[in-house]
C-alpha atoms as a PDB file:
ATOM      1  CA  UNK A   1     117.838 101.867 120.968  1.00  0.00           C
ATOM      2  CA  UNK A   2     117.515 101.371 124.837  1.00  0.00           C
ATOM      3  CA  UNK A   3     117.215  98.406 127.029  1.00  0.00           C
ATOM      4  CA  UNK A   4     114.303  96.443 125.819  1.00  0.00           C
ATOM      5  CA  UNK A   5     116.484  96.106 122.302  1.00  0.00           C
ATOM      6  CA  UNK A   6     115.508  93.103 120.228  1.00  0.00           C
ATOM      7  CA  UNK A   7     118.394  90.940 120.892  1.00  0.00           C
ATOM      8  CA  UNK A   8     115.861  88.343 121.513  1.00  0.00           C
ATOM      9  CA  UNK A   9     114.411  88.714 117.873  1.00  0.00           C
ATOM     10  CA  UNK A  10     116.869  87.223 114.974  1.00  0.00           C
ATOM     11  CA  UNK A  11     118.108  89.848 112.974  1.00  0.00           C
ATOM     12  CA  UNK A  12     117.771  87.988 109.609  1.00  0.00           C
ATOM     13  CA  UNK A  13     114.307  86.831 107.686  1.00  0.00           C
ATOM     14  CA  UNK A  14     112.627  83.876 108.958  1.00  0.00           C
ATOM     15  CA  UNK A  15     110.968  81.856 106.315  1.00  0.00           C
ATOM     16  CA  UNK A  16     107.268  81.740 105.643  1.00  0.00           C
ATOM     17  CA  UNK A  17     104.982  80.302 103.611  1.00  0.00           C
ATOM     18  CA  UNK A  18     103.445  82.250 101.109  1.00  0.00           C
ATOM     19  CA  UNK A  19     104.669  85.689 101.507  1.00  0.00           C
ATOM     20  CA  UNK A  20     108.657  86.753 101.446  1.00  0.00           C
ATOM     21  CA  UNK A  21     109.317  85.952 105.391  1.00  0.00           C
ATOM     22  CA  UNK A  22     108.772  87.779 108.740  1.00  0.00           C
ATOM     23  CA  UNK A  23     111.608  90.468 109.858  1.00  0.00           C
ATOM     24  CA  UNK A  24     111.928  91.781 113.249  1.00  0.00           C
ATOM     25  CA  UNK A  25     111.104  95.387 113.928  1.00  0.00           C
ATOM     26  CA  UNK A  26     114.419  96.482 114.292  1.00  0.00           C
ATOM     27  CA  UNK A  27     115.260  94.712 110.758  1.00  0.00           C
ATOM     28  CA  UNK A  28     112.310  96.602 109.297  1.00  0.00           C
ATOM     29  CA  UNK A  29     113.279 100.039 110.126  1.00  0.00           C
ATOM     30  CA  UNK A  30     116.769  99.417 109.289  1.00  0.00           C
ATOM     31  CA  UNK A  31     115.522  98.754 106.106  1.00  0.00           C
ATOM     32  CA  UNK A  32     113.224 101.445 106.036  1.00  0.00           C
ATOM     33  CA  UNK A  33     116.075 103.995 107.375  1.00  0.00           C
ATOM     34  CA  UNK A  34     118.365 102.506 104.174  1.00  0.00           C
ATOM     35  CA  UNK A  35     115.712 103.253 101.428  1.00  0.00           C
ATOM     36  CA  UNK A  36     115.042  99.877 101.067  1.00  0.00           C
ATOM     37  CA  UNK A  37     111.543  99.048 102.075  1.00  0.00           C
ATOM     38  CA  UNK A  38     108.055 101.027 102.907  1.00  0.00           C
ATOM     39  CA  UNK A  39     106.556 100.711 105.862  1.00  0.00           C
ATOM     40  CA  UNK A  40     103.166  99.835 105.686  1.00  0.00           C
ATOM     41  CA  UNK A  41     100.734  99.777 108.393  1.00  0.00           C
ATOM     42  CA  UNK A  42      97.804  97.715 107.963  1.00  0.00           C
ATOM     43  CA  UNK A  43      95.850  98.442 111.607  1.00  0.00           C
ATOM     44  CA  UNK A  44      92.754 100.402 111.425  1.00  0.00           C
ATOM     45  CA  UNK A  45      92.753 104.026 111.168  1.00  0.00           C
ATOM     46  CA  UNK A  46      90.998 104.158 114.911  1.00  0.00           C
ATOM     47  CA  UNK A  47      94.103 101.771 116.028  1.00  0.00           C
ATOM     48  CA  UNK A  48      96.314 104.397 114.421  1.00  0.00           C
ATOM     49  CA  UNK A  49      94.750 107.315 116.087  1.00  0.00           C
ATOM     50  CA  UNK A  50      93.833 105.588 119.513  1.00  0.00           C
ATOM     51  CA  UNK A  51      97.391 104.182 119.786  1.00  0.00           C
ATOM     52  CA  UNK A  52     100.140 105.584 118.100  1.00  0.00           C
ATOM     53  CA  UNK A  53     101.350 105.345 114.875  1.00  0.00           C
ATOM     54  CA  UNK A  54     104.886 104.807 113.275  1.00  0.00           C
ATOM     55  CA  UNK A  55     106.431 108.225 111.687  1.00  0.00           C
ATOM     56  CA  UNK A  56     106.841 108.201 107.906  1.00  0.00           C
ATOM     57  CA  UNK A  57     104.487 104.846 107.822  1.00  0.00           C
ATOM     58  CA  UNK A  58     102.007 104.658 105.132  1.00  0.00           C
ATOM     59  CA  UNK A  59      98.132 103.970 106.353  1.00  0.00           C
ATOM     60  CA  UNK A  60      96.472 101.424 104.407  1.00  0.00           C
ATOM     61  CA  UNK A  61      94.472  99.432 106.618  1.00  0.00           C
ATOM     62  CA  UNK A  62      93.657  95.901 105.739  1.00  0.00           C
ATOM     63  CA  UNK A  63      90.434  95.769 107.717  1.00  0.00           C
ATOM     64  CA  UNK A  64      88.512  98.907 108.531  1.00  0.00           C
ATOM     65  CA  UNK A  65      86.631  99.580 112.350  1.00  0.00           C
ATOM     66  CA  UNK A  66      83.742  99.283 112.958  1.00  0.00           C
ATOM     67  CA  UNK A  67      83.149  95.928 111.822  1.00  0.00           C
ATOM     68  CA  UNK A  68      86.208  94.604 110.731  1.00  0.00           C
ATOM     69  CA  UNK A  69      85.120  94.745 107.198  1.00  0.00           C
ATOM     70  CA  UNK A  70      87.582  94.425 104.125  1.00  0.00           C
ATOM     71  CA  UNK A  71      89.511  97.438 102.665  1.00  0.00           C
ATOM     72  CA  UNK A  72      87.602  97.316  99.085  1.00  0.00           C
ATOM     73  CA  UNK A  73      90.984  99.564  98.295  1.00  0.00           C
ATOM     74  CA  UNK A  74      93.659  97.602  99.875  1.00  0.00           C
ATOM     75  CA  UNK A  75      94.512  96.226  96.334  1.00  0.00           C
ATOM     76  CA  UNK A  76      95.198  99.181  94.590  1.00  0.00           C
ATOM     77  CA  UNK A  77      96.986 101.012  97.428  1.00  0.00           C
ATOM     78  CA  UNK A  78      99.162  98.405  98.283  1.00  0.00           C
ATOM     79  CA  UNK A  79     100.164  97.746  94.512  1.00  0.00           C
ATOM     80  CA  UNK A  80     100.509 101.583  94.487  1.00  0.00           C
ATOM     81  CA  UNK A  81     102.915 101.578  97.373  1.00  0.00           C
ATOM     82  CA  UNK A  82     104.788  98.843  95.736  1.00  0.00           C
ATOM     83  CA  UNK A  83     105.012 100.407  92.509  1.00  0.00           C
ATOM     84  CA  UNK A  84     108.481 101.233  93.018  1.00  0.00           C
ATOM     85  CA  UNK A  85     109.762  97.944  93.537  1.00  0.00           C
ATOM     86  CA  UNK A  86     111.046  98.603  97.077  1.00  0.00           C
ATOM     87  CA  UNK A  87     110.135  95.523  99.936  1.00  0.00           C
ATOM     88  CA  UNK A  88     107.003  96.218 101.738  1.00  0.00           C
ATOM     89  CA  UNK A  89     107.311  95.559 105.422  1.00  0.00           C
ATOM     90  CA  UNK A  90     103.829  95.284 106.681  1.00  0.00           C
ATOM     91  CA  UNK A  91     102.934  96.031 110.874  1.00  0.00           C
ATOM     92  CA  UNK A  92      99.841  95.489 112.205  1.00  0.00           C
ATOM     93  CA  UNK A  93      98.699  95.359 116.386  1.00  0.00           C
ATOM     94  CA  UNK A  94     100.686  91.775 116.919  1.00  0.00           C
ATOM     95  CA  UNK A  95     101.655  90.516 113.701  1.00  0.00           C
ATOM     96  CA  UNK A  96      98.026  88.622 112.743  1.00  0.00           C
ATOM     97  CA  UNK A  97      96.413  90.820 110.277  1.00  0.00           C
ATOM     98  CA  UNK A  98     100.135  91.897 108.685  1.00  0.00           C
ATOM     99  CA  UNK A  99     100.745  88.026 107.964  1.00  0.00           C
ATOM    100  CA  UNK A 100      97.235  88.202 105.611  1.00  0.00           C
ATOM    101  CA  UNK A 101      97.995  91.484 104.331  1.00  0.00           C
ATOM    102  CA  UNK A 102     101.676  89.747 103.024  1.00  0.00           C
ATOM    103  CA  UNK A 103      99.655  86.786 101.773  1.00  0.00           C
ATOM    104  CA  UNK A 104      97.730  89.217  99.786  1.00  0.00           C
ATOM    105  CA  UNK A 105     100.238  91.302  98.500  1.00  0.00           C
ATOM    106  CA  UNK A 106     102.378  88.614  97.142  1.00  0.00           C
ATOM    107  CA  UNK A 107      99.658  87.378  95.217  1.00  0.00           C
ATOM    108  CA  UNK A 108      99.768  90.939  93.743  1.00  0.00           C
ATOM    109  CA  UNK A 109     102.964  90.225  92.787  1.00  0.00           C
ATOM    110  CA  UNK A 110     104.846  92.235  95.820  1.00  0.00           C
ATOM    111  CA  UNK A 111     107.290  91.281  97.991  1.00  0.00           C
ATOM    112  CA  UNK A 112     105.909  92.006 101.062  1.00  0.00           C
ATOM    113  CA  UNK A 113     107.272  90.913 104.499  1.00  0.00           C
ATOM    114  CA  UNK A 114     105.687  90.637 108.195  1.00  0.00           C
ATOM    115  CA  UNK A 115     106.968  92.619 111.326  1.00  0.00           C
ATOM    116  CA  UNK A 116     106.452  90.090 113.852  1.00  0.00           C
ATOM    117  CA  UNK A 117     105.276  91.107 117.414  1.00  0.00           C
ATOM    118  CA  UNK A 118     103.262  94.053 115.333  1.00  0.00           C
ATOM    119  CA  UNK A 119     103.305  97.679 117.051  1.00  0.00           C
ATOM    120  CA  UNK A 120     101.868  96.410 120.452  1.00  0.00           C
ATOM    121  CA  UNK A 121     102.976  92.949 120.809  1.00  0.00           C
ATOM    122  CA  UNK A 122     100.797  89.924 122.449  1.00  0.00           C
ATOM    123  CA  UNK A 123      99.494  90.009 125.648  1.00  0.00           C
ATOM    124  CA  UNK A 124     100.917  89.267 128.759  1.00  0.00           C
ATOM    125  CA  UNK A 125      99.483  87.121 132.095  1.00  0.00           C
ATOM    126  CA  UNK A 126      97.257  90.371 132.760  1.00  0.00           C
ATOM    127  CA  UNK A 127      96.324  90.673 129.098  1.00  0.00           C
ATOM    128  CA  UNK A 128      98.101  93.838 129.142  1.00  0.00           C
ATOM    129  CA  UNK A 129      99.832  94.598 125.098  1.00  0.00           C
ATOM    130  CA  UNK A 130     103.214  96.175 125.096  1.00  0.00           C
ATOM    131  CA  UNK A 131     104.887  94.681 127.783  1.00  0.00           C
ATOM    132  CA  UNK A 132     106.078  91.438 126.463  1.00  0.00           C
ATOM    133  CA  UNK A 133     107.247  92.912 122.361  1.00  0.00           C
ATOM    134  CA  UNK A 134     105.752  94.917 119.386  1.00  0.00           C
ATOM    135  CA  UNK A 135     107.425  98.240 117.828  1.00  0.00           C
ATOM    136  CA  UNK A 136     106.608 100.436 120.665  1.00  0.00           C
ATOM    137  CA  UNK A 137     108.422  97.635 123.526  1.00  0.00           C
ATOM    138  CA  UNK A 138     111.245  97.441 121.187  1.00  0.00           C
ATOM    139  CA  UNK A 139     112.111 101.623 121.615  1.00  0.00           C
ATOM    140  CA  UNK A 140     111.330 102.151 117.717  1.00  0.00           C
ATOM    141  CA  UNK A 141     110.322 105.311 116.572  1.00  0.00           C
ATOM    142  CA  UNK A 142     106.564 106.328 117.172  1.00  0.00           C
ATOM    143  CA  UNK A 143     104.469 108.636 118.077  1.00  0.00           C
ATOM    144  CA  UNK A 144     100.791 109.655 120.049  1.00  0.00           C
ATOM    145  CA  UNK A 145      98.479 110.811 117.874  1.00  0.00           C
END
């Protein structure tokens, strides 16, 4: 990990209401590498194409662009991804849609965690993303599509 390590983020599960909890990007990656979790990228197809993606992540949009309408296949596909009983670690741009997706996955009987900061993190003072947190900022694997 680079100098942008996740030292400022807790490396344990933070409790959450309605789903398994919130975890740091580094902890999510460690779980995936250990075979304990499936990484599910709930951003839109367009976001993954334009901004980048995590190698090996399962693409499953919570909402679809344009229009940000709900993905009608979400329930069926998330259940298939969770069928082996592994934890699901959910990633979106900033950690908002992934909470909604984790809540829904939990309603469906799955164990789902939100990845704090998302792929790009929150906006900074200049309204730019990727400068204050997120998967990319933390130096975790990703690729430009």
